[in-house]
Amino acid sequence: MNRAVRHPRFTAHPEDAHSKTLRAAGTWTGRQQTRVAVRDFAFTVDEPEQIGGRNEGPTPMEYLAGSVGACITVVIDQAAARCGLELTGVSTYSLARQDRRGLAGTADVQPYFHTYRLQVCVGTTETDEQTLREFAAEVEHSCPAVNLLRDAHVDLTVAWSFAANTAEGDAEAACNAALGYETRQESVGAPVPVLTIENADAHDPEAPARDLGDLAGASAGGRA
């Protein structure tokens, strides 16, 4: 029996007949380390040595941050194929903040991310701004990872930059520049964007997508 209920931001109910099952097995290997098996693949999830791990793999939340970027990349690829948008490249960068007191049990605060900026740089031959805005909104609306973060009440910003092509380090540079952080890796060869917007599929229907230029007052911080 399907007990899933319709989410208020979507118009249809989930149905078992159209659902897939995902499986993952984990085995503790000591000192906060887990060996995870998924289908024919295996990977190590670990913690830094200073907190008791062996530093032999990313932490669970680092995997999660990487998965968010990978998830939206898949959705971009699929959505572009559906609508005939020609892609020349996609790069992403995640910058997330997590209050360590939640996991440590020293404060009654959410243990997962409280703030998250996902920078998405899309290379495409398309230059029509309305087409690109609609494309970004469609991708956000159908990206599983983006919706998980939003429905967990994470302060999520999805920042889009559309240009003729992407370049190494462009997403990291754009993210750090928007937040006032120093950039560890300068982007070389990145063209001037055709369009930069944020939150194209805003979960608050009265909160429209904002141009990146409106964030001139973004607060400065430490090194990202």
Protein backbone atom coordinates (compact mmCIF):
# COMPACT_ATOMS: atom_id res chain seq x y z
CA MET A 1 0.00 0.00 0.00
CA ASN A 2 1.38 3.40 -0.98
CA ARG A 3 1.32 5.66 2.10
CA ALA A 4 3.20 8.53 0.49
CA VAL A 5 1.46 11.87 0.63
CA ARG A 6 1.60 14.72 -1.81
CA HIS A 7 4.05 17.42 -0.89
CA PRO A 8 2.53 20.91 -0.84
CA ARG A 9 5.04 22.24 -3.40
CA PHE A 10 4.13 19.56 -5.95
CA THR A 11 0.82 18.73 -7.62
CA ALA A 12 1.00 14.92 -7.87
CA HIS A 13 1.19 12.12 -5.29
CA PRO A 14 4.14 9.67 -5.37
CA GLU A 15 3.10 6.26 -6.75
CA ASP A 16 4.75 2.89 -6.14
CA ALA A 17 4.29 1.92 -9.77
CA HIS A 18 6.60 4.74 -10.81
CA SER A 19 9.07 4.46 -7.94
CA LYS A 20 12.57 3.00 -7.86
CA THR A 21 14.42 1.47 -4.91
CA LEU A 22 17.89 2.52 -3.83
CA ARG A 23 20.00 0.29 -1.58
CA ALA A 24 23.29 0.79 0.26
CA ALA A 25 25.08 -1.42 2.79
CA GLY A 26 27.49 -0.13 5.42
CA THR A 27 30.04 -1.95 7.58
CA TRP A 28 31.80 -0.33 10.53
CA THR A 29 35.56 -0.79 10.26
CA GLY A 30 36.42 0.89 13.57
CA ARG A 31 37.36 4.41 14.66
CA GLN A 32 34.32 6.11 13.10
CA GLN A 33 35.00 4.63 9.66
CA THR A 34 32.39 2.92 7.46
CA ARG A 35 32.87 0.85 4.33
CA VAL A 36 29.86 1.38 2.07
CA ALA A 37 28.77 -0.90 -0.78
CA VAL A 38 26.37 0.30 -3.47
CA ARG A 39 25.64 -2.04 -6.38
CA ASP A 40 29.10 -3.00 -7.76
CA PHE A 41 30.87 -0.11 -6.05
CA ALA A 42 32.45 0.39 -2.64
CA PHE A 43 33.83 3.47 -0.91
CA THR A 44 35.15 4.55 2.46
CA VAL A 45 33.48 7.15 4.67
CA ASP A 46 35.76 8.44 7.41
CA GLU A 47 36.46 11.33 9.80
CA PRO A 48 39.60 13.45 10.31
CA GLU A 49 42.26 12.10 12.66
CA GLN A 50 41.84 15.02 15.07
CA ILE A 51 38.36 13.83 15.97
CA GLY A 52 39.16 10.13 16.13
CA GLY A 53 39.00 8.93 12.53
CA ARG A 54 41.72 7.79 10.15
CA ASN A 55 41.21 10.40 7.41
CA GLU A 56 41.04 7.73 4.70
CA GLY A 57 37.97 9.18 2.99
CA PRO A 58 35.54 12.10 3.03
CA THR A 59 33.12 12.50 5.91
CA PRO A 60 29.42 11.62 5.48
CA MET A 61 28.45 15.28 5.17
CA GLU A 62 31.24 15.91 2.65
CA TYR A 63 29.85 13.07 0.55
CA LEU A 64 26.45 14.70 0.89
CA ALA A 65 27.79 18.05 -0.31
CA GLY A 66 29.44 16.37 -3.28
CA SER A 67 26.24 14.47 -4.03
CA VAL A 68 24.24 17.70 -4.22
CA GLY A 69 26.49 19.02 -6.98
CA ALA A 70 26.49 15.67 -8.78
CA CYS A 71 22.71 15.39 -8.51
CA ILE A 72 21.98 18.78 -10.06
CA THR A 73 24.52 18.03 -12.81
CA VAL A 74 22.60 14.88 -13.74
CA VAL A 75 19.32 16.81 -13.78
CA ILE A 76 20.88 19.55 -15.95
CA ASP A 77 22.07 16.91 -18.43
CA GLN A 78 18.67 15.23 -18.59
CA ALA A 79 16.68 18.48 -18.78
CA ALA A 80 18.94 19.83 -21.54
CA ALA A 81 18.40 16.67 -23.56
CA ARG A 82 14.62 17.00 -23.19
CA CYS A 83 14.42 20.63 -24.29
CA GLY A 84 17.24 20.63 -26.84
CA LEU A 85 19.55 22.96 -24.91
CA GLU A 86 23.11 22.51 -26.12
CA LEU A 87 25.60 22.15 -23.27
CA THR A 88 29.30 22.91 -23.51
CA GLY A 89 30.06 22.26 -19.85
CA VAL A 90 28.73 22.13 -16.29
CA SER A 91 30.65 22.85 -13.09
CA THR A 92 29.40 23.10 -9.51
CA TYR A 93 30.72 24.15 -6.14
CA SER A 94 29.14 23.68 -2.70
CA LEU A 95 29.88 25.80 0.35
CA ALA A 96 27.97 24.61 3.40
CA ARG A 97 27.91 25.58 7.07
CA GLN A 98 27.21 23.06 9.84
CA ASP A 99 26.99 23.82 13.56
CA ARG A 100 29.23 21.20 15.19
CA ARG A 101 27.39 21.48 18.53
CA GLY A 102 24.43 19.53 17.14
CA LEU A 103 26.42 16.37 16.42
CA ALA A 104 28.44 16.76 19.60
CA GLY A 105 25.27 17.02 21.68
CA THR A 106 26.36 20.23 23.38
CA ALA A 107 23.43 22.32 22.07
CA ASP A 108 19.93 21.57 20.87
CA VAL A 109 20.63 22.82 17.35
CA GLN A 110 20.06 21.11 14.01
CA PRO A 111 23.05 18.80 13.38
CA TYR A 112 22.89 19.09 9.59
CA PHE A 113 23.69 22.05 7.33
CA HIS A 114 22.06 25.34 8.32
CA THR A 115 23.38 27.39 5.39
CA TYR A 116 24.25 26.12 1.92
CA ARG A 117 25.32 27.89 -1.28
CA LEU A 118 25.34 25.80 -4.43
CA GLN A 119 27.05 27.54 -7.34
CA VAL A 120 26.18 26.15 -10.76
CA CYS A 121 28.05 27.27 -13.88
CA VAL A 122 26.48 26.13 -17.15
CA GLY A 123 28.18 26.42 -20.51
CA THR A 124 25.68 26.66 -23.35
CA THR A 125 25.22 28.20 -26.76
CA GLU A 126 21.77 29.46 -25.68
CA THR A 127 21.68 33.21 -24.97
CA ASP A 128 17.97 33.95 -24.50
CA GLU A 129 17.56 34.99 -20.87
CA GLN A 130 13.95 33.84 -20.50
CA THR A 131 14.83 30.40 -21.87
CA LEU A 132 17.72 30.11 -19.41
CA ARG A 133 15.60 31.28 -16.47
CA GLU A 134 12.93 28.70 -17.27
CA PHE A 135 15.58 26.01 -17.66
CA ALA A 136 17.11 26.81 -14.26
CA ALA A 137 13.67 26.79 -12.62
CA GLU A 138 12.83 23.39 -14.14
CA VAL A 139 16.12 21.89 -12.98
CA GLU A 140 15.72 23.18 -9.41
CA HIS A 141 12.13 21.97 -9.25
CA SER A 142 13.04 18.43 -10.28
CA CYS A 143 16.43 18.02 -8.56
CA PRO A 144 16.07 15.54 -5.66
CA ALA A 145 19.02 16.91 -3.69
CA VAL A 146 17.95 20.55 -3.97
CA ASN A 147 14.46 19.69 -2.78
CA LEU A 148 15.77 17.64 0.15
CA LEU A 149 17.78 20.63 1.36
CA ARG A 150 14.88 23.03 0.93
CA ASP A 151 12.41 20.79 2.71
CA ALA A 152 14.89 20.36 5.57
CA HIS A 153 14.64 24.15 6.00
CA VAL A 154 18.29 24.69 5.10
CA ASP A 155 19.01 28.29 4.11
CA LEU A 156 19.79 27.23 0.55
CA THR A 157 20.90 29.48 -2.27
CA VAL A 158 21.20 27.98 -5.75
CA ALA A 159 23.28 30.45 -7.76
CA TRP A 160 23.33 30.09 -11.55
CA SER A 161 25.80 31.44 -14.07
CA PHE A 162 25.21 30.85 -17.79
CA ALA A 163 28.02 31.51 -20.28
CA ALA A 164 29.33 30.20 -23.59
CA ASN A 165 31.54 27.70 -21.81
CA THR A 166 32.86 26.71 -18.40
CA ALA A 167 36.42 26.87 -17.12
CA GLU A 168 38.34 25.11 -14.37
CA GLY A 169 37.65 26.69 -11.01
CA ASP A 170 34.87 28.96 -12.28
CA ALA A 171 32.18 27.70 -9.87
CA GLU A 172 34.47 28.00 -6.83
CA ALA A 173 35.60 31.48 -7.86
CA ALA A 174 32.02 32.67 -8.39
CA CYS A 175 30.88 31.25 -5.04
CA ASN A 176 33.74 32.82 -3.09
CA ALA A 177 33.36 36.18 -4.87
CA ALA A 178 29.65 36.33 -4.01
CA LEU A 179 30.37 35.67 -0.32
CA GLY A 180 33.43 37.88 -0.06
CA TYR A 181 35.81 34.97 0.55
CA GLU A 182 39.33 34.71 -0.80
CA THR A 183 39.61 32.46 -3.83
CA ARG A 184 42.12 29.64 -3.58
CA GLN A 185 41.95 28.86 -7.29
CA GLU A 186 41.49 31.61 -9.84
CA SER A 187 39.38 30.69 -12.85
CA VAL A 188 41.25 31.07 -16.13
CA GLY A 189 39.50 31.47 -19.48
CA ALA A 190 35.96 31.85 -18.15
CA PRO A 191 33.81 34.07 -20.40
CA VAL A 192 31.54 36.86 -19.17
CA PRO A 193 28.21 35.28 -18.13
CA VAL A 194 25.11 35.87 -20.22
CA LEU A 195 22.93 35.54 -17.13
CA THR A 196 23.43 35.17 -13.35
CA ILE A 197 20.42 34.46 -11.13
CA GLU A 198 19.61 32.88 -7.78
CA ASN A 199 16.84 30.51 -6.70
CA ALA A 200 15.08 30.25 -10.03
CA ASP A 201 12.44 27.98 -8.50
CA ALA A 202 11.99 29.87 -5.24
CA HIS A 203 10.00 27.80 -2.71
CA ASP A 204 8.40 31.01 -1.50
CA PRO A 205 6.05 31.94 -4.37
CA GLU A 206 6.38 35.61 -3.44
CA ALA A 207 10.20 35.50 -3.51
CA PRO A 208 11.32 35.95 -7.13
CA ALA A 209 14.69 34.89 -8.47
CA ARG A 210 17.30 37.54 -7.68
CA ASP A 211 20.03 38.84 -9.94
CA LEU A 212 23.50 38.23 -8.50
CA GLY A 213 24.16 41.97 -8.77
CA ASP A 214 21.63 42.55 -5.99
CA LEU A 215 24.00 40.86 -3.52
CA ALA A 216 26.55 43.64 -3.48
CA GLY A 217 26.22 43.79 0.28
CA ALA A 218 27.12 40.14 0.89
CA SER A 219 29.03 39.75 4.13
CA ALA A 220 32.73 38.99 4.03
CA GLY A 221 34.19 35.96 5.76
CA GLY A 222 37.28 33.83 6.13
CA ARG A 223 38.95 31.62 3.61
CA ALA A 224 36.57 29.14 1.94
